Amino acid sequence: MKQDVWSLFDMFFSSQKTQQFLANQYEKLNLQESNGKSFDNTYGFIYYIEHGKKYYKLADQAPAELKPVLLFYGMTQLMKACILCKDPDYPDSSSVLAHGLSTRKRKKRSYEFLNDEVKVQKTGLFNHFCEKMFHMKHIEGEKFMMNHLLSTLPELAPLYRQMTGAFYQIRMNKESNDSFILSCEAADLLHMSVDRFKEYINSMFSSKMKMEVKDENNYEILLNKQLQPFNCAPLYYHFAEDTYYFPVDRDLLQMPVLNELMVHYVLLYNLSMISRYDTEWWSELFHTYSSHELPYINQFLSVTAYKIPYLFGQLLHTLDIP
């Protein structure tokens, strides 16, 4: 990518700036010892980012078969840095150190990655991150299918059309920071009339946006507040194009349980577990080209390598806003 996503983290490689940043976060939490806590956590925060960056840089040079492990652990380091902004005592117990997810231990002979599921555990890094950063609770026991998660990524929308003919998302054209143009094709793909689709969106997402019919071919979408690319439901952010995609699949159009940061974590967790513990299946995937799943996995690994550092950088900068 032309943009160096890691430049978003440069400001944090100053202990003075990082301590000030953390102190501001802890003051928002009404901590009495905000200065002391920020001093204690300054270098831990910096090292989490530095460690994560090294994992991503190594992944860039590694064979595709090894990328999931490096990308997964790189992502966990960035997650820990973010958690430290909201939980100055992290990690205060061993329960928050586990991955927080589980998958089927033994793969069946007819195993297909796209149909595999990952289950959320009661404790662990995933749950802790969701709760501290996005106030999400009660997701223990939720199961997520890999195909559904991959279909939420706008960068993979062209591949889905090529492989299956399915339309999951379509691109919106940006008019301004708070308005977009959406083709009326969206209503056709969802099997609704133009007016019914407008009514449906305005009733479902009135707190986030307002939709109007602009002309016979297009809608105009007006946002109630500026979007955050890491948490923009029901829309999906495309980094390379710097615009948002609209879901034209009824399952995706429902308010998603996970935002994109969480989606990547679940996918990388499963891929890293497969690459480590199901080595025969994993190796055959890359060397026989007999599976239709390899294109999805390869594209996801390419996207997550640059998009996740960017989204975490955006998240940290959002926290820095007074």
C-alpha atoms as a PDB file:
ATOM      1  CA  MET A   1       0.000   0.000   0.000  1.00  0.00           C
ATOM      2  CA  LYS A   2       1.142   3.543  -0.720  1.00  0.00           C
ATOM      3  CA  GLN A   3       0.277   4.682   2.780  1.00  0.00           C
ATOM      4  CA  ASP A   4       2.630   3.528   5.507  1.00  0.00           C
ATOM      5  CA  VAL A   5       0.090   2.372   8.075  1.00  0.00           C
ATOM      6  CA  TRP A   6       2.753   2.203  10.772  1.00  0.00           C
ATOM      7  CA  SER A   7       3.280   5.972  10.627  1.00  0.00           C
ATOM      8  CA  LEU A   8       0.067   6.174  12.673  1.00  0.00           C
ATOM      9  CA  PHE A   9       2.022   4.764  15.617  1.00  0.00           C
ATOM     10  CA  ASP A  10       5.122   6.988  15.348  1.00  0.00           C
ATOM     11  CA  MET A  11       3.871   9.432  17.975  1.00  0.00           C
ATOM     12  CA  PHE A  12       3.832   6.649  20.565  1.00  0.00           C
ATOM     13  CA  PHE A  13       7.559   5.951  20.241  1.00  0.00           C
ATOM     14  CA  SER A  14       8.122   8.865  22.587  1.00  0.00           C
ATOM     15  CA  SER A  15       7.834   7.950  26.247  1.00  0.00           C
ATOM     16  CA  GLN A  16       6.844  11.523  27.131  1.00  0.00           C
ATOM     17  CA  LYS A  17       4.008  11.596  24.599  1.00  0.00           C
ATOM     18  CA  THR A  18       2.842   8.079  25.529  1.00  0.00           C
ATOM     19  CA  GLN A  19       2.751   8.862  29.243  1.00  0.00           C
ATOM     20  CA  GLN A  20       0.725  12.005  28.534  1.00  0.00           C
ATOM     21  CA  PHE A  21      -1.604  10.005  26.269  1.00  0.00           C
ATOM     22  CA  LEU A  22      -2.160   7.301  28.894  1.00  0.00           C
ATOM     23  CA  ALA A  23      -2.633   9.864  31.660  1.00  0.00           C
ATOM     24  CA  ASN A  24      -5.404  11.466  29.606  1.00  0.00           C
ATOM     25  CA  GLN A  25      -7.062   8.087  29.135  1.00  0.00           C
ATOM     26  CA  TYR A  26      -6.929   7.314  32.844  1.00  0.00           C
ATOM     27  CA  GLU A  27      -8.295  10.746  33.756  1.00  0.00           C
ATOM     28  CA  LYS A  28     -11.317   9.928  31.589  1.00  0.00           C
ATOM     29  CA  LEU A  29     -11.735   6.820  33.748  1.00  0.00           C
ATOM     30  CA  ASN A  30     -11.635   9.060  36.873  1.00  0.00           C
ATOM     31  CA  LEU A  31      -8.593   7.260  38.270  1.00  0.00           C
ATOM     32  CA  GLN A  32      -7.008   9.071  41.203  1.00  0.00           C
ATOM     33  CA  GLU A  33      -3.542   7.804  40.361  1.00  0.00           C
ATOM     34  CA  SER A  34      -3.663   8.610  36.642  1.00  0.00           C
ATOM     35  CA  ASN A  35      -0.128  10.008  36.526  1.00  0.00           C
ATOM     36  CA  GLY A  36       1.369   7.130  38.461  1.00  0.00           C
ATOM     37  CA  LYS A  37      -0.470   4.499  36.449  1.00  0.00           C
ATOM     38  CA  SER A  38       0.504   6.147  33.168  1.00  0.00           C
ATOM     39  CA  PHE A  39       4.155   6.217  34.257  1.00  0.00           C
ATOM     40  CA  ASP A  40       4.018   2.511  35.164  1.00  0.00           C
ATOM     41  CA  ASN A  41       2.408   1.535  31.849  1.00  0.00           C
ATOM     42  CA  THR A  42       4.302   3.756  29.417  1.00  0.00           C
ATOM     43  CA  TYR A  43       6.960   1.266  28.359  1.00  0.00           C
ATOM     44  CA  GLY A  44       4.588  -1.682  28.399  1.00  0.00           C
ATOM     45  CA  PHE A  45       2.377   0.198  25.945  1.00  0.00           C
ATOM     46  CA  ILE A  46       5.316   1.098  23.696  1.00  0.00           C
ATOM     47  CA  TYR A  47       6.680  -2.461  23.730  1.00  0.00           C
ATOM     48  CA  TYR A  48       3.288  -3.923  22.813  1.00  0.00           C
ATOM     49  CA  ILE A  49       3.241  -1.739  19.694  1.00  0.00           C
ATOM     50  CA  GLU A  50       6.901  -2.370  18.888  1.00  0.00           C
ATOM     51  CA  HIS A  51       6.462  -6.127  19.325  1.00  0.00           C
ATOM     52  CA  GLY A  52       3.327  -6.130  17.190  1.00  0.00           C
ATOM     53  CA  LYS A  53       5.057  -4.159  14.440  1.00  0.00           C
ATOM     54  CA  LYS A  54       7.911  -6.690  14.343  1.00  0.00           C
ATOM     55  CA  TYR A  55       5.462  -9.567  13.925  1.00  0.00           C
ATOM     56  CA  TYR A  56       3.822  -7.787  10.978  1.00  0.00           C
ATOM     57  CA  LYS A  57       7.162  -6.973   9.376  1.00  0.00           C
ATOM     58  CA  LEU A  58       8.213 -10.623   9.690  1.00  0.00           C
ATOM     59  CA  ALA A  59       4.898 -11.754   8.223  1.00  0.00           C
ATOM     60  CA  ASP A  60       5.567  -9.574   5.198  1.00  0.00           C
ATOM     61  CA  GLN A  61       8.704 -11.613   4.474  1.00  0.00           C
ATOM     62  CA  ALA A  62       7.344 -15.030   5.480  1.00  0.00           C
ATOM     63  CA  PRO A  63       5.886 -17.766   3.251  1.00  0.00           C
ATOM     64  CA  ALA A  64       2.096 -17.706   3.081  1.00  0.00           C
ATOM     65  CA  GLU A  65       1.858 -20.903   5.145  1.00  0.00           C
ATOM     66  CA  LEU A  66       3.430 -19.135   8.150  1.00  0.00           C
ATOM     67  CA  LYS A  67       1.672 -15.785   7.863  1.00  0.00           C
ATOM     68  CA  PRO A  68      -1.410 -16.583  10.020  1.00  0.00           C
ATOM     69  CA  VAL A  69       0.660 -17.260  13.141  1.00  0.00           C
ATOM     70  CA  LEU A  70       2.748 -14.110  12.765  1.00  0.00           C
ATOM     71  CA  LEU A  71      -0.241 -11.927  11.885  1.00  0.00           C
ATOM     72  CA  PHE A  72      -2.309 -13.336  14.745  1.00  0.00           C
ATOM     73  CA  TYR A  73       0.346 -12.652  17.365  1.00  0.00           C
ATOM     74  CA  GLY A  74       1.067  -9.253  15.863  1.00  0.00           C
ATOM     75  CA  MET A  75      -2.599  -8.403  16.218  1.00  0.00           C
ATOM     76  CA  THR A  76      -2.768  -9.592  19.822  1.00  0.00           C
ATOM     77  CA  GLN A  77       0.061  -7.207  20.745  1.00  0.00           C
ATOM     78  CA  LEU A  78      -1.832  -4.250  19.270  1.00  0.00           C
ATOM     79  CA  MET A  79      -4.977  -5.369  21.096  1.00  0.00           C
ATOM     80  CA  LYS A  80      -3.076  -5.405  24.384  1.00  0.00           C
ATOM     81  CA  ALA A  81      -1.817  -1.858  23.796  1.00  0.00           C
ATOM     82  CA  CYS A  82      -5.414  -0.707  23.272  1.00  0.00           C
ATOM     83  CA  ILE A  83      -6.660  -2.561  26.346  1.00  0.00           C
ATOM     84  CA  LEU A  84      -3.992  -0.823  28.431  1.00  0.00           C
ATOM     85  CA  CYS A  85      -5.719   2.478  27.576  1.00  0.00           C
ATOM     86  CA  LYS A  86      -8.926   1.315  29.271  1.00  0.00           C
ATOM     87  CA  ASP A  87      -7.596  -1.131  31.850  1.00  0.00           C
ATOM     88  CA  PRO A  88      -4.466   0.217  33.579  1.00  0.00           C
ATOM     89  CA  ASP A  89      -4.097  -2.984  35.611  1.00  0.00           C
ATOM     90  CA  TYR A  90      -4.025  -5.296  32.564  1.00  0.00           C
ATOM     91  CA  PRO A  91      -3.207  -8.139  32.869  1.00  0.00           C
ATOM     92  CA  ASP A  92      -4.433  -8.536  36.431  1.00  0.00           C
ATOM     93  CA  SER A  93      -5.165 -12.266  36.128  1.00  0.00           C
ATOM     94  CA  SER A  94      -4.214 -15.238  33.980  1.00  0.00           C
ATOM     95  CA  SER A  95      -7.828 -15.512  32.759  1.00  0.00           C
ATOM     96  CA  VAL A  96      -7.367 -12.563  30.385  1.00  0.00           C
ATOM     97  CA  LEU A  97      -4.250 -14.029  28.777  1.00  0.00           C
ATOM     98  CA  ALA A  98      -5.889 -16.940  26.937  1.00  0.00           C
ATOM     99  CA  HIS A  99      -7.077 -16.447  23.358  1.00  0.00           C
ATOM    100  CA  GLY A 100     -10.722 -16.463  24.446  1.00  0.00           C
ATOM    101  CA  LEU A 101     -11.894 -18.599  21.512  1.00  0.00           C
ATOM    102  CA  SER A 102     -12.125 -22.291  20.716  1.00  0.00           C
ATOM    103  CA  THR A 103     -12.538 -24.399  17.607  1.00  0.00           C
ATOM    104  CA  ARG A 104     -13.072 -28.037  16.760  1.00  0.00           C
ATOM    105  CA  LYS A 105      -9.998 -29.924  17.968  1.00  0.00           C
ATOM    106  CA  ARG A 106     -10.036 -32.681  15.359  1.00  0.00           C
ATOM    107  CA  LYS A 107     -10.899 -31.832  11.793  1.00  0.00           C
ATOM    108  CA  LYS A 108     -13.159 -34.219   9.907  1.00  0.00           C
ATOM    109  CA  ARG A 109     -11.888 -35.866   6.756  1.00  0.00           C
ATOM    110  CA  SER A 110     -14.228 -33.711   4.668  1.00  0.00           C
ATOM    111  CA  TYR A 111     -13.226 -30.538   6.535  1.00  0.00           C
ATOM    112  CA  GLU A 112     -13.921 -27.201   4.843  1.00  0.00           C
ATOM    113  CA  PHE A 113     -12.545 -24.009   6.326  1.00  0.00           C
ATOM    114  CA  LEU A 114     -15.394 -21.833   5.057  1.00  0.00           C
ATOM    115  CA  ASN A 115     -17.929 -23.955   6.966  1.00  0.00           C
ATOM    116  CA  ASP A 116     -15.865 -24.112  10.145  1.00  0.00           C
ATOM    117  CA  GLU A 117     -17.039 -22.338  13.293  1.00  0.00           C
ATOM    118  CA  VAL A 118     -15.278 -20.620  16.166  1.00  0.00           C
ATOM    119  CA  LYS A 119     -16.885 -20.314  19.584  1.00  0.00           C
ATOM    120  CA  VAL A 120     -16.402 -17.479  22.080  1.00  0.00           C
ATOM    121  CA  GLN A 121     -15.231 -18.569  25.525  1.00  0.00           C
ATOM    122  CA  LYS A 122     -16.234 -17.057  28.867  1.00  0.00           C
ATOM    123  CA  THR A 123     -12.845 -15.445  29.545  1.00  0.00           C
ATOM    124  CA  GLY A 124      -9.756 -14.496  27.606  1.00  0.00           C
ATOM    125  CA  LEU A 125      -8.222 -11.731  25.521  1.00  0.00           C
ATOM    126  CA  PHE A 126     -11.078 -11.616  22.999  1.00  0.00           C
ATOM    127  CA  ASN A 127     -13.842 -11.071  25.550  1.00  0.00           C
ATOM    128  CA  HIS A 128     -11.716  -8.605  27.518  1.00  0.00           C
ATOM    129  CA  PHE A 129     -10.979  -6.566  24.390  1.00  0.00           C
ATOM    130  CA  CYS A 130     -14.646  -6.513  23.338  1.00  0.00           C
ATOM    131  CA  GLU A 131     -15.783  -5.390  26.769  1.00  0.00           C
ATOM    132  CA  LYS A 132     -13.110  -2.780  27.493  1.00  0.00           C
ATOM    133  CA  MET A 133     -12.924  -1.189  24.047  1.00  0.00           C
ATOM    134  CA  PHE A 134     -16.515  -1.506  22.832  1.00  0.00           C
ATOM    135  CA  HIS A 135     -18.587  -2.216  25.978  1.00  0.00           C
ATOM    136  CA  MET A 136     -19.681  -5.555  24.550  1.00  0.00           C
ATOM    137  CA  LYS A 137     -20.765  -8.204  27.027  1.00  0.00           C
ATOM    138  CA  HIS A 138     -22.725 -11.434  26.917  1.00  0.00           C
ATOM    139  CA  ILE A 139     -21.119 -12.858  23.768  1.00  0.00           C
ATOM    140  CA  GLU A 140     -19.923 -16.000  25.551  1.00  0.00           C
ATOM    141  CA  GLY A 141     -21.016 -19.065  23.614  1.00  0.00           C
ATOM    142  CA  GLU A 142     -21.594 -17.175  20.338  1.00  0.00           C
ATOM    143  CA  LYS A 143     -20.457 -19.111  17.270  1.00  0.00           C
ATOM    144  CA  PHE A 144     -19.173 -17.546  14.081  1.00  0.00           C
ATOM    145  CA  MET A 145     -18.811 -19.240  10.699  1.00  0.00           C
ATOM    146  CA  MET A 146     -15.736 -18.422   8.640  1.00  0.00           C
ATOM    147  CA  ASN A 147     -17.627 -17.882   5.388  1.00  0.00           C
ATOM    148  CA  HIS A 148     -19.937 -15.355   7.013  1.00  0.00           C
ATOM    149  CA  LEU A 149     -17.020 -13.439   8.544  1.00  0.00           C
ATOM    150  CA  LEU A 150     -15.074 -13.339   5.268  1.00  0.00           C
ATOM    151  CA  SER A 151     -18.127 -12.072   3.399  1.00  0.00           C
ATOM    152  CA  THR A 152     -18.194  -8.982   5.641  1.00  0.00           C
ATOM    153  CA  LEU A 153     -14.869  -7.772   4.210  1.00  0.00           C
ATOM    154  CA  PRO A 154     -15.448  -5.414   1.258  1.00  0.00           C
ATOM    155  CA  GLU A 155     -12.007  -6.167  -0.166  1.00  0.00           C
ATOM    156  CA  LEU A 156     -13.192  -9.738  -0.787  1.00  0.00           C
ATOM    157  CA  ALA A 157     -16.477  -8.735  -2.465  1.00  0.00           C
ATOM    158  CA  PRO A 158     -15.040  -9.001  -6.022  1.00  0.00           C
ATOM    159  CA  LEU A 159     -13.647 -12.459  -5.262  1.00  0.00           C
ATOM    160  CA  TYR A 160     -17.025 -13.682  -4.007  1.00  0.00           C
ATOM    161  CA  ARG A 161     -18.634 -12.486  -7.232  1.00  0.00           C
ATOM    162  CA  GLN A 162     -15.951 -14.244  -9.306  1.00  0.00           C
ATOM    163  CA  MET A 163     -16.110 -17.486  -7.329  1.00  0.00           C
ATOM    164  CA  THR A 164     -19.829 -17.785  -6.570  1.00  0.00           C
ATOM    165  CA  GLY A 165     -21.668 -15.015  -8.413  1.00  0.00           C
ATOM    166  CA  ALA A 166     -22.939 -13.769  -5.062  1.00  0.00           C
ATOM    167  CA  PHE A 167     -23.278 -10.051  -4.290  1.00  0.00           C
ATOM    168  CA  TYR A 168     -22.675  -9.371  -0.614  1.00  0.00           C
ATOM    169  CA  GLN A 169     -21.725  -5.691  -0.742  1.00  0.00           C
ATOM    170  CA  ILE A 170     -21.666  -2.841  -3.247  1.00  0.00           C
ATOM    171  CA  ARG A 171     -19.531   0.279  -3.266  1.00  0.00           C
ATOM    172  CA  MET A 172     -20.853   3.678  -2.221  1.00  0.00           C
ATOM    173  CA  ASN A 173     -19.460   6.882  -3.711  1.00  0.00           C
ATOM    174  CA  LYS A 174     -18.339   9.459  -1.203  1.00  0.00           C
ATOM    175  CA  GLU A 175     -19.859  12.946  -1.629  1.00  0.00           C
ATOM    176  CA  SER A 176     -18.553  14.428   1.596  1.00  0.00           C
ATOM    177  CA  ASN A 177     -17.492  13.260   5.067  1.00  0.00           C
ATOM    178  CA  ASP A 178     -21.119  12.716   5.998  1.00  0.00           C
ATOM    179  CA  SER A 179     -22.868  11.826   2.739  1.00  0.00           C
ATOM    180  CA  PHE A 180     -22.654   9.015   0.179  1.00  0.00           C
ATOM    181  CA  ILE A 181     -24.358   8.002  -3.037  1.00  0.00           C
ATOM    182  CA  LEU A 182     -25.696   4.442  -3.248  1.00  0.00           C
ATOM    183  CA  SER A 183     -27.005   2.851  -6.437  1.00  0.00           C
ATOM    184  CA  CYS A 184     -30.656   1.753  -6.458  1.00  0.00           C
ATOM    185  CA  GLU A 185     -29.239  -1.611  -7.513  1.00  0.00           C
ATOM    186  CA  ALA A 186     -28.978  -2.253  -3.759  1.00  0.00           C
ATOM    187  CA  ALA A 187     -32.773  -2.457  -3.511  1.00  0.00           C
ATOM    188  CA  ASP A 188     -32.942  -4.877  -6.453  1.00  0.00           C
ATOM    189  CA  LEU A 189     -30.343  -7.150  -4.904  1.00  0.00           C
ATOM    190  CA  LEU A 190     -32.336  -7.220  -1.670  1.00  0.00           C
ATOM    191  CA  HIS A 191     -35.587  -7.818  -3.603  1.00  0.00           C
ATOM    192  CA  MET A 192     -37.222  -4.613  -2.403  1.00  0.00           C
ATOM    193  CA  SER A 193     -38.815  -1.679  -4.176  1.00  0.00           C
ATOM    194  CA  VAL A 194     -36.973   1.635  -4.132  1.00  0.00           C
ATOM    195  CA  ASP A 195     -39.367   3.171  -1.604  1.00  0.00           C
ATOM    196  CA  ARG A 196     -39.623   0.031   0.562  1.00  0.00           C
ATOM    197  CA  PHE A 197     -35.835  -0.150   0.808  1.00  0.00           C
ATOM    198  CA  LYS A 198     -35.627   3.489   1.899  1.00  0.00           C
ATOM    199  CA  GLU A 199     -38.269   2.926   4.574  1.00  0.00           C
ATOM    200  CA  TYR A 200     -36.537  -0.236   5.778  1.00  0.00           C
ATOM    201  CA  ILE A 201     -33.132   1.422   6.174  1.00  0.00           C
ATOM    202  CA  ASN A 202     -34.544   4.527   7.847  1.00  0.00           C
ATOM    203  CA  SER A 203     -36.463   2.430  10.367  1.00  0.00           C
ATOM    204  CA  MET A 204     -33.575   0.035  11.059  1.00  0.00           C
ATOM    205  CA  PHE A 205     -30.725   2.549  11.306  1.00  0.00           C
ATOM    206  CA  SER A 206     -32.354   5.881  12.161  1.00  0.00           C
ATOM    207  CA  SER A 207     -29.763   6.549  14.884  1.00  0.00           C
ATOM    208  CA  LYS A 208     -26.927   6.241  12.386  1.00  0.00           C
ATOM    209  CA  MET A 209     -28.126   7.483   8.996  1.00  0.00           C
ATOM    210  CA  LYS A 210     -30.941   8.797   6.867  1.00  0.00           C
ATOM    211  CA  MET A 211     -31.616   7.593   3.320  1.00  0.00           C
ATOM    212  CA  GLU A 212     -33.323   9.642   0.612  1.00  0.00           C
ATOM    213  CA  VAL A 213     -34.068   8.898  -3.035  1.00  0.00           C
ATOM    214  CA  LYS A 214     -31.727  11.200  -4.980  1.00  0.00           C
ATOM    215  CA  ASP A 215     -32.882  10.338  -8.514  1.00  0.00           C
ATOM    216  CA  GLU A 216     -34.218   7.350 -10.437  1.00  0.00           C
ATOM    217  CA  ASN A 217     -30.872   5.558 -10.181  1.00  0.00           C
ATOM    218  CA  ASN A 218     -29.434   6.543  -6.822  1.00  0.00           C
ATOM    219  CA  TYR A 219     -30.033   7.043  -3.113  1.00  0.00           C
ATOM    220  CA  GLU A 220     -28.304   9.623  -0.952  1.00  0.00           C
ATOM    221  CA  ILE A 221     -27.212   8.500   2.505  1.00  0.00           C
ATOM    222  CA  LEU A 222     -26.725  11.185   5.146  1.00  0.00           C
ATOM    223  CA  LEU A 223     -24.809  10.164   8.260  1.00  0.00           C
ATOM    224  CA  ASN A 224     -25.823  11.406  11.697  1.00  0.00           C
ATOM    225  CA  LYS A 225     -22.214  11.307  12.874  1.00  0.00           C
ATOM    226  CA  GLN A 226     -18.805  10.713  11.365  1.00  0.00           C
ATOM    227  CA  LEU A 227     -18.000   7.073  10.728  1.00  0.00           C
ATOM    228  CA  GLN A 228     -15.178   5.230  12.426  1.00  0.00           C
ATOM    229  CA  PRO A 229     -13.659   2.722   9.979  1.00  0.00           C
ATOM    230  CA  PHE A 230     -13.101   0.114  12.696  1.00  0.00           C
ATOM    231  CA  ASN A 231     -16.686   0.267  13.984  1.00  0.00           C
ATOM    232  CA  CYS A 232     -19.059   1.463  11.246  1.00  0.00           C
ATOM    233  CA  ALA A 233     -21.983  -0.986  11.184  1.00  0.00           C
ATOM    234  CA  PRO A 234     -24.050  -1.503   9.139  1.00  0.00           C
ATOM    235  CA  LEU A 235     -21.499  -0.256   6.588  1.00  0.00           C
ATOM    236  CA  TYR A 236     -18.091  -1.760   5.831  1.00  0.00           C
ATOM    237  CA  TYR A 237     -14.879   0.194   5.253  1.00  0.00           C
ATOM    238  CA  HIS A 238     -12.618  -0.454   2.245  1.00  0.00           C
ATOM    239  CA  PHE A 239      -9.151   0.844   3.080  1.00  0.00           C
ATOM    240  CA  ALA A 240      -7.548   0.865  -0.395  1.00  0.00           C
ATOM    241  CA  GLU A 241     -10.495   2.776  -1.867  1.00  0.00           C
ATOM    242  CA  ASP A 242     -11.057   4.910   1.255  1.00  0.00           C
ATOM    243  CA  THR A 243     -14.804   4.532   1.032  1.00  0.00           C
ATOM    244  CA  TYR A 244     -17.608   2.432   2.489  1.00  0.00           C
ATOM    245  CA  TYR A 245     -19.542  -0.504   1.104  1.00  0.00           C
ATOM    246  CA  PHE A 246     -23.200  -1.216   1.677  1.00  0.00           C
ATOM    247  CA  PRO A 247     -24.380  -4.772   2.488  1.00  0.00           C
ATOM    248  CA  VAL A 248     -26.833  -6.234  -0.029  1.00  0.00           C
ATOM    249  CA  ASP A 249     -27.232  -9.529   1.797  1.00  0.00           C
ATOM    250  CA  ARG A 250     -29.970  -9.731   4.423  1.00  0.00           C
ATOM    251  CA  ASP A 251     -27.748 -11.545   6.932  1.00  0.00           C
ATOM    252  CA  LEU A 252     -25.054  -8.868   6.637  1.00  0.00           C
ATOM    253  CA  LEU A 253     -27.592  -6.056   6.759  1.00  0.00           C
ATOM    254  CA  GLN A 254     -28.661  -7.021  10.252  1.00  0.00           C
ATOM    255  CA  MET A 255     -26.618  -5.211  12.874  1.00  0.00           C
ATOM    256  CA  PRO A 256     -23.487  -7.376  13.110  1.00  0.00           C
ATOM    257  CA  VAL A 257     -22.381  -8.749  16.456  1.00  0.00           C
ATOM    258  CA  LEU A 258     -18.699  -8.178  15.704  1.00  0.00           C
ATOM    259  CA  ASN A 259     -16.946  -5.139  14.292  1.00  0.00           C
ATOM    260  CA  GLU A 260     -14.096  -5.567  11.824  1.00  0.00           C
ATOM    261  CA  LEU A 261     -11.303  -5.732  14.412  1.00  0.00           C
ATOM    262  CA  MET A 262     -13.075  -8.651  16.053  1.00  0.00           C
ATOM    263  CA  VAL A 263     -13.745 -10.342  12.706  1.00  0.00           C
ATOM    264  CA  HIS A 264     -10.048 -10.374  11.827  1.00  0.00           C
ATOM    265  CA  TYR A 265      -9.112 -11.718  15.258  1.00  0.00           C
ATOM    266  CA  VAL A 266     -11.521 -14.658  14.952  1.00  0.00           C
ATOM    267  CA  LEU A 267     -10.355 -15.489  11.416  1.00  0.00           C
ATOM    268  CA  LEU A 268      -6.667 -15.213  12.285  1.00  0.00           C
ATOM    269  CA  TYR A 269      -7.151 -17.297  15.415  1.00  0.00           C
ATOM    270  CA  ASN A 270      -8.648 -20.147  13.426  1.00  0.00           C
ATOM    271  CA  LEU A 271      -6.128 -19.953  10.580  1.00  0.00           C
ATOM    272  CA  SER A 272      -3.208 -19.848  13.015  1.00  0.00           C
ATOM    273  CA  MET A 273      -4.559 -22.881  14.890  1.00  0.00           C
ATOM    274  CA  ILE A 274      -4.982 -24.815  11.641  1.00  0.00           C
ATOM    275  CA  SER A 275      -1.496 -23.925  10.427  1.00  0.00           C
ATOM    276  CA  ARG A 276       0.026 -25.113  13.711  1.00  0.00           C
ATOM    277  CA  TYR A 277      -2.030 -28.189  14.518  1.00  0.00           C
ATOM    278  CA  ASP A 278      -3.516 -29.394  11.218  1.00  0.00           C
ATOM    279  CA  THR A 279      -0.305 -29.178   9.263  1.00  0.00           C
ATOM    280  CA  GLU A 280      -1.140 -31.910   6.751  1.00  0.00           C
ATOM    281  CA  TRP A 281      -4.420 -30.312   5.663  1.00  0.00           C
ATOM    282  CA  TRP A 282      -2.792 -26.873   5.680  1.00  0.00           C
ATOM    283  CA  SER A 283       0.182 -27.951   3.582  1.00  0.00           C
ATOM    284  CA  GLU A 284      -1.998 -29.736   1.025  1.00  0.00           C
ATOM    285  CA  LEU A 285      -4.110 -26.592   0.710  1.00  0.00           C
ATOM    286  CA  PHE A 286      -1.096 -24.616  -0.484  1.00  0.00           C
ATOM    287  CA  HIS A 287       0.594 -27.282  -2.607  1.00  0.00           C
ATOM    288  CA  THR A 288      -2.185 -29.145  -4.414  1.00  0.00           C
ATOM    289  CA  TYR A 289      -4.453 -26.191  -5.344  1.00  0.00           C
ATOM    290  CA  SER A 290      -7.360 -28.634  -5.166  1.00  0.00           C
ATOM    291  CA  SER A 291      -9.457 -26.524  -2.793  1.00  0.00           C
ATOM    292  CA  HIS A 292     -11.697 -23.607  -3.742  1.00  0.00           C
ATOM    293  CA  GLU A 293     -10.873 -22.081  -0.344  1.00  0.00           C
ATOM    294  CA  LEU A 294      -7.271 -21.049  -1.004  1.00  0.00           C
ATOM    295  CA  PRO A 295      -8.187 -17.836  -2.912  1.00  0.00           C
ATOM    296  CA  TYR A 296     -10.280 -16.628   0.034  1.00  0.00           C
ATOM    297  CA  ILE A 297      -7.525 -17.392   2.520  1.00  0.00           C
ATOM    298  CA  ASN A 298      -4.794 -15.774   0.414  1.00  0.00           C
ATOM    299  CA  GLN A 299      -6.798 -12.613  -0.147  1.00  0.00           C
ATOM    300  CA  PHE A 300      -7.710 -12.356   3.512  1.00  0.00           C
ATOM    301  CA  LEU A 301      -4.075 -12.703   4.581  1.00  0.00           C
ATOM    302  CA  SER A 302      -3.084  -9.947   2.141  1.00  0.00           C
ATOM    303  CA  VAL A 303      -5.826  -7.613   3.387  1.00  0.00           C
ATOM    304  CA  THR A 304      -5.388  -8.146   7.117  1.00  0.00           C
ATOM    305  CA  ALA A 305      -1.626  -7.503   6.907  1.00  0.00           C
ATOM    306  CA  TYR A 306      -2.139  -3.800   6.207  1.00  0.00           C
ATOM    307  CA  LYS A 307      -5.725  -3.141   7.243  1.00  0.00           C
ATOM    308  CA  ILE A 308      -5.527  -4.227  10.883  1.00  0.00           C
ATOM    309  CA  PRO A 309      -2.552  -1.984  11.801  1.00  0.00           C
ATOM    310  CA  TYR A 310      -4.404   0.870  10.087  1.00  0.00           C
ATOM    311  CA  LEU A 311      -7.627   0.210  12.026  1.00  0.00           C
ATOM    312  CA  PHE A 312      -5.771  -0.018  15.341  1.00  0.00           C
ATOM    313  CA  GLY A 313      -3.933   3.204  14.523  1.00  0.00           C
ATOM    314  CA  GLN A 314      -7.275   4.872  13.859  1.00  0.00           C
ATOM    315  CA  LEU A 315      -8.684   3.504  17.109  1.00  0.00           C
ATOM    316  CA  LEU A 316      -5.795   4.895  19.168  1.00  0.00           C
ATOM    317  CA  HIS A 317      -6.038   8.291  17.478  1.00  0.00           C
ATOM    318  CA  THR A 318      -9.786   8.356  18.182  1.00  0.00           C
ATOM    319  CA  LEU A 319      -9.001   7.805  21.862  1.00  0.00           C
ATOM    320  CA  ASP A 320      -6.553  10.733  21.704  1.00  0.00           C
ATOM    321  CA  ILE A 321      -9.319  13.175  20.741  1.00  0.00           C
ATOM    322  CA  PRO A 322     -10.170  15.336  23.800  1.00  0.00           C
END
